[in-house]
Amino acid sequence: MEKRTTTHFGYQEVPLEEKASRVADVFHSVAARYDVMNDLMSFGIHRLWKRLTLERAGVRPGHQVLDIAGGTGDLTLAFARRVGPRGRVVLADINASMLRVGRDKLLDNGVGGNVEYVQANAECLPFPDNHFDCITIAFGLRNVTDKDAALRSMQRVLKPGGRLLVLEFSKPGNPLLTRAYDEYSFRFLPRIGQWVANDAESYRYLAESIRMHPDQDTLKSMMEAAGLERVEYSNLTGGIVALHRGIKL
């Protein structure tokens, strides 16, 4: 089989080696307003999606947790409080601007001693095998160039019995909801981006990247192919978002 030399950046076809830098430019642009935009774009519902992720992670005091594409640190903040002083949470993001915003936010919330900040590519995580009790990636997998490589990398650094949770935009099952969601994403979302962040193009890319992301069953199969077991998913808000969970046995 001929090896692919291009990939999707939203609806555009770009050389493989260009995608990471293009995604980086998007998140450098939106980092300072990321939290505000999340609340506006989701009407605050992203907080409920993340709370469910937190509950299904099963993290306990003393655990080692990796929050990939952790950005501004919502999940890291909650995990740091759950693992306590004997545990550790690594906030990892490929984007330095997002990592900086996340670190400042956690320090402002009095969290620091049990959190580590690592700039890392999800496709080649710089951690030992069998290292983490839990890994989360929330709204980050769709931006990864080689998703299969990233899932294999996550599986590698999980401990046996450890859990991977993937929270990501997905495909609504209802045609009417799909139509309304498309209208919102491609007409309303870039306008919010222009108004709040003075950047309509980045939010147009975000809408396109959601449409190009694998559907629920495809992602489930990809996680299984990466070596995860007992993979299951829950549709949230009508399938606009899905939470996948897999275990390393």
Protein backbone atom coordinates (compact mmCIF):
# COMPACT_ATOMS: atom_id res chain seq x y z
CA MET A 1 0.00 0.00 0.00
CA GLU A 2 1.32 3.43 -0.96
CA LYS A 3 2.15 5.55 2.06
CA ARG A 4 0.08 8.72 2.43
CA THR A 5 1.94 12.01 2.07
CA THR A 6 -1.00 14.33 2.82
CA THR A 7 -3.61 14.70 5.55
CA HIS A 8 -6.61 16.87 6.38
CA PHE A 9 -6.34 20.29 7.97
CA GLY A 10 -10.03 20.99 8.32
CA TYR A 11 -11.35 20.52 4.79
CA GLN A 12 -7.98 21.27 3.20
CA GLU A 13 -5.57 18.57 2.05
CA VAL A 14 -2.06 19.50 3.25
CA PRO A 15 1.36 17.78 3.37
CA LEU A 16 1.70 15.55 6.46
CA GLU A 17 4.65 17.53 7.77
CA GLU A 18 2.69 20.81 7.67
CA LYS A 19 -0.33 19.88 9.78
CA ALA A 20 1.30 20.14 13.21
CA SER A 21 2.58 23.65 12.53
CA ARG A 22 -0.77 24.78 11.14
CA VAL A 23 -2.61 23.44 14.19
CA ALA A 24 0.01 25.13 16.38
CA ASP A 25 -0.73 28.46 14.73
CA VAL A 26 -4.45 28.02 15.46
CA PHE A 27 -3.88 27.39 19.16
CA HIS A 28 -1.23 30.09 19.54
CA SER A 29 -3.92 32.42 18.22
CA VAL A 30 -6.76 31.26 20.49
CA ALA A 31 -4.88 30.40 23.72
CA ALA A 32 -5.53 33.65 25.57
CA ARG A 33 -9.29 33.48 24.94
CA TYR A 34 -9.67 29.70 24.96
CA ASP A 35 -11.62 29.37 28.21
CA VAL A 36 -13.98 32.23 27.38
CA MET A 37 -14.62 30.78 23.94
CA ASN A 38 -15.27 27.29 25.36
CA ASP A 39 -17.99 28.68 27.60
CA LEU A 40 -19.54 30.69 24.77
CA MET A 41 -19.33 27.93 22.14
CA SER A 42 -20.82 25.22 24.34
CA PHE A 43 -23.07 27.46 26.48
CA GLY A 44 -21.05 26.14 29.43
CA ILE A 45 -21.97 22.49 28.77
CA HIS A 46 -18.29 21.54 28.28
CA ARG A 47 -17.99 21.67 32.07
CA LEU A 48 -20.58 18.88 32.40
CA TRP A 49 -18.82 16.79 29.73
CA LYS A 50 -15.53 17.14 31.60
CA ARG A 51 -17.17 16.35 34.93
CA LEU A 52 -18.47 13.08 33.50
CA THR A 53 -14.98 12.30 32.18
CA LEU A 54 -13.58 12.94 35.64
CA GLU A 55 -16.09 10.61 37.27
CA ARG A 56 -15.50 7.79 34.77
CA ALA A 57 -11.74 8.08 35.09
CA GLY A 58 -11.83 6.43 38.51
CA VAL A 59 -8.77 8.36 39.68
CA ARG A 60 -7.82 7.89 43.34
CA PRO A 61 -5.25 9.33 45.78
CA GLY A 62 -1.72 8.36 44.80
CA HIS A 63 -2.50 7.76 41.11
CA GLN A 64 -0.33 8.88 38.20
CA VAL A 65 -2.41 10.72 35.58
CA LEU A 66 -1.56 12.07 32.13
CA ASP A 67 -3.79 14.81 30.67
CA ILE A 68 -2.83 15.00 26.97
CA ALA A 69 -3.71 18.14 25.01
CA GLY A 70 -4.65 19.39 28.47
CA GLY A 71 -4.51 22.99 27.30
CA THR A 72 -5.76 25.37 29.94
CA GLY A 73 -5.90 22.67 32.57
CA ASP A 74 -9.57 22.08 33.45
CA LEU A 75 -9.15 18.33 33.90
CA THR A 76 -5.64 18.64 35.33
CA LEU A 77 -6.93 20.94 38.07
CA ALA A 78 -9.60 18.43 39.11
CA PHE A 79 -7.24 15.45 38.88
CA ALA A 80 -4.56 17.19 40.95
CA ARG A 81 -7.03 17.57 43.80
CA ARG A 82 -8.09 13.93 43.54
CA VAL A 83 -4.64 12.31 43.43
CA GLY A 84 -3.42 14.35 46.41
CA PRO A 85 0.19 14.95 47.46
CA ARG A 86 1.23 11.31 46.89
CA GLY A 87 -0.03 11.35 43.32
CA ARG A 88 1.09 13.19 40.20
CA VAL A 89 -0.64 14.74 37.21
CA VAL A 90 1.20 15.57 33.99
CA LEU A 91 -0.35 18.34 31.91
CA ALA A 92 0.95 17.69 28.40
CA ASP A 93 0.31 19.79 25.33
CA ILE A 94 2.14 20.19 22.03
CA ASN A 95 1.43 23.92 22.08
CA ALA A 96 3.59 26.15 24.29
CA SER A 97 1.02 28.96 24.43
CA MET A 98 -1.72 26.66 25.69
CA LEU A 99 0.66 25.06 28.20
CA ARG A 100 1.62 28.48 29.54
CA VAL A 101 -2.03 29.52 29.99
CA GLY A 102 -2.73 26.21 31.75
CA ARG A 103 0.21 26.56 34.11
CA ASP A 104 -0.76 30.12 35.07
CA LYS A 105 -4.36 29.06 35.68
CA LEU A 106 -3.37 26.16 37.94
CA LEU A 107 -0.95 28.31 39.92
CA ASP A 108 -3.69 30.92 40.36
CA ASN A 109 -5.87 28.13 41.79
CA GLY A 110 -3.22 27.11 44.30
CA VAL A 111 -2.23 23.90 42.49
CA GLY A 112 1.40 23.19 41.81
CA GLY A 113 3.29 20.65 43.87
CA ASN A 114 1.85 17.51 42.28
CA VAL A 115 1.56 18.81 38.69
CA GLU A 116 4.22 18.60 35.99
CA TYR A 117 4.08 20.46 32.66
CA VAL A 118 5.44 18.77 29.55
CA GLN A 119 5.40 20.00 25.95
CA ALA A 120 4.87 16.75 24.05
CA ASN A 121 3.52 15.27 20.83
CA ALA A 122 0.80 12.68 21.48
CA GLU A 123 2.20 10.49 18.67
CA CYS A 124 5.48 9.90 20.53
CA LEU A 125 4.95 10.47 24.23
CA PRO A 126 8.22 10.94 26.18
CA PHE A 127 7.29 8.66 29.07
CA PRO A 128 8.26 5.09 30.08
CA ASP A 129 6.13 2.05 29.27
CA ASN A 130 3.43 1.07 31.81
CA HIS A 131 3.65 4.36 33.70
CA PHE A 132 0.20 5.97 34.15
CA ASP A 133 -2.94 4.78 35.91
CA CYS A 134 -5.13 7.00 33.75
CA ILE A 135 -4.77 9.03 30.55
CA THR A 136 -7.26 11.59 29.25
CA ILE A 137 -7.37 13.53 26.00
CA ALA A 138 -10.24 16.01 25.78
CA PHE A 139 -10.97 17.78 22.48
CA GLY A 140 -7.44 17.12 21.27
CA LEU A 141 -7.38 13.87 19.30
CA ARG A 142 -9.01 15.38 16.21
CA ASN A 143 -6.04 17.76 15.87
CA VAL A 144 -3.43 14.97 15.88
CA THR A 145 -1.88 14.17 12.50
CA ASP A 146 -1.54 10.40 13.03
CA LYS A 147 -4.31 9.38 15.39
CA ASP A 148 -3.44 5.67 15.24
CA ALA A 149 0.14 6.38 16.30
CA ALA A 150 -1.11 8.57 19.13
CA LEU A 151 -3.47 5.88 20.43
CA ARG A 152 -0.65 3.29 20.32
CA SER A 153 1.60 5.71 22.21
CA MET A 154 -1.06 6.22 24.88
CA GLN A 155 -1.61 2.48 25.22
CA ARG A 156 2.15 1.97 25.64
CA VAL A 157 2.51 4.35 28.59
CA LEU A 158 -0.60 3.08 30.41
CA LYS A 159 -0.11 0.63 33.25
CA PRO A 160 -1.85 -2.74 32.95
CA GLY A 161 -5.35 -2.07 34.27
CA GLY A 162 -5.02 1.62 33.38
CA ARG A 163 -7.74 3.56 31.55
CA LEU A 164 -7.72 5.83 28.52
CA LEU A 165 -10.58 8.29 28.16
CA VAL A 166 -11.12 10.20 24.92
CA LEU A 167 -13.60 13.09 25.08
CA GLU A 168 -14.19 14.47 21.62
CA PHE A 169 -16.73 16.07 19.32
CA SER A 170 -18.49 13.39 17.33
CA LYS A 171 -21.48 12.68 15.08
CA PRO A 172 -25.07 13.37 16.19
CA GLY A 173 -27.48 10.53 15.42
CA ASN A 174 -30.50 12.73 14.70
CA PRO A 175 -30.62 14.34 11.20
CA LEU A 176 -32.44 17.42 12.50
CA LEU A 177 -29.83 17.90 15.23
CA THR A 178 -27.07 17.40 12.63
CA ARG A 179 -28.57 20.13 10.43
CA ALA A 180 -28.92 22.55 13.33
CA TYR A 181 -25.40 21.76 14.53
CA ASP A 182 -23.95 22.40 11.06
CA GLU A 183 -25.75 25.73 10.87
CA TYR A 184 -24.40 26.71 14.28
CA SER A 185 -20.84 25.51 13.55
CA PHE A 186 -20.33 27.12 10.16
CA ARG A 187 -22.35 30.31 10.53
CA PHE A 188 -22.42 31.23 14.20
CA LEU A 189 -19.11 29.85 15.51
CA PRO A 190 -16.75 31.84 13.24
CA ARG A 191 -18.71 34.99 14.08
CA ILE A 192 -18.18 34.39 17.82
CA GLY A 193 -14.48 33.81 17.08
CA GLN A 194 -14.27 37.10 15.21
CA TRP A 195 -16.15 38.98 17.91
CA VAL A 196 -14.35 37.58 20.99
CA ALA A 197 -10.91 36.57 19.69
CA ASN A 198 -10.69 38.63 16.47
CA ASP A 199 -10.05 35.33 14.67
CA ALA A 200 -12.81 33.83 12.54
CA GLU A 201 -10.48 31.54 10.55
CA SER A 202 -9.26 29.54 13.55
CA TYR A 203 -12.82 28.79 14.59
CA ARG A 204 -13.76 27.89 11.02
CA TYR A 205 -10.93 25.33 11.15
CA LEU A 206 -12.22 24.00 14.48
CA ALA A 207 -15.66 23.44 12.94
CA GLU A 208 -14.16 21.70 9.92
CA SER A 209 -11.87 19.54 12.07
CA ILE A 210 -14.90 18.27 13.99
CA ARG A 211 -16.54 17.12 10.75
CA MET A 212 -13.38 15.32 9.61
CA HIS A 213 -12.95 13.42 12.89
CA PRO A 214 -13.87 9.69 12.89
CA ASP A 215 -17.36 8.77 14.05
CA GLN A 216 -18.03 6.92 17.30
CA ASP A 217 -17.75 3.35 16.00
CA THR A 218 -14.67 4.11 13.89
CA LEU A 219 -12.85 5.60 16.88
CA LYS A 220 -13.88 2.59 18.98
CA SER A 221 -12.27 0.30 16.37
CA MET A 222 -9.13 2.45 16.28
CA MET A 223 -8.75 2.18 20.05
CA GLU A 224 -9.16 -1.59 19.88
CA ALA A 225 -6.57 -1.78 17.08
CA ALA A 226 -4.16 0.15 19.33
CA GLY A 227 -4.42 -2.64 21.92
CA LEU A 228 -7.09 -1.32 24.27
CA GLU A 229 -9.75 -3.67 25.60
CA ARG A 230 -13.36 -3.30 26.77
CA VAL A 231 -13.70 -0.15 24.66
CA GLU A 232 -17.07 1.54 25.02
CA TYR A 233 -18.49 4.97 24.39
CA SER A 234 -21.30 7.18 25.63
CA ASN A 235 -22.98 9.79 23.44
CA LEU A 236 -23.38 13.15 25.18
CA THR A 237 -25.75 15.92 24.11
CA GLY A 238 -27.25 13.81 21.34
CA GLY A 239 -23.89 12.62 20.02
CA ILE A 240 -22.44 16.11 19.50
CA VAL A 241 -19.76 14.81 21.88
CA ALA A 242 -18.77 11.24 22.70
CA LEU A 243 -16.76 9.88 25.63
CA HIS A 244 -14.78 6.74 24.75
CA ARG A 245 -13.11 4.62 27.42
CA GLY A 246 -10.71 1.72 26.98
CA ILE A 247 -8.61 -0.37 29.38
CA LYS A 248 -5.12 -1.82 29.00
CA LEU A 249 -5.18 -5.41 30.22
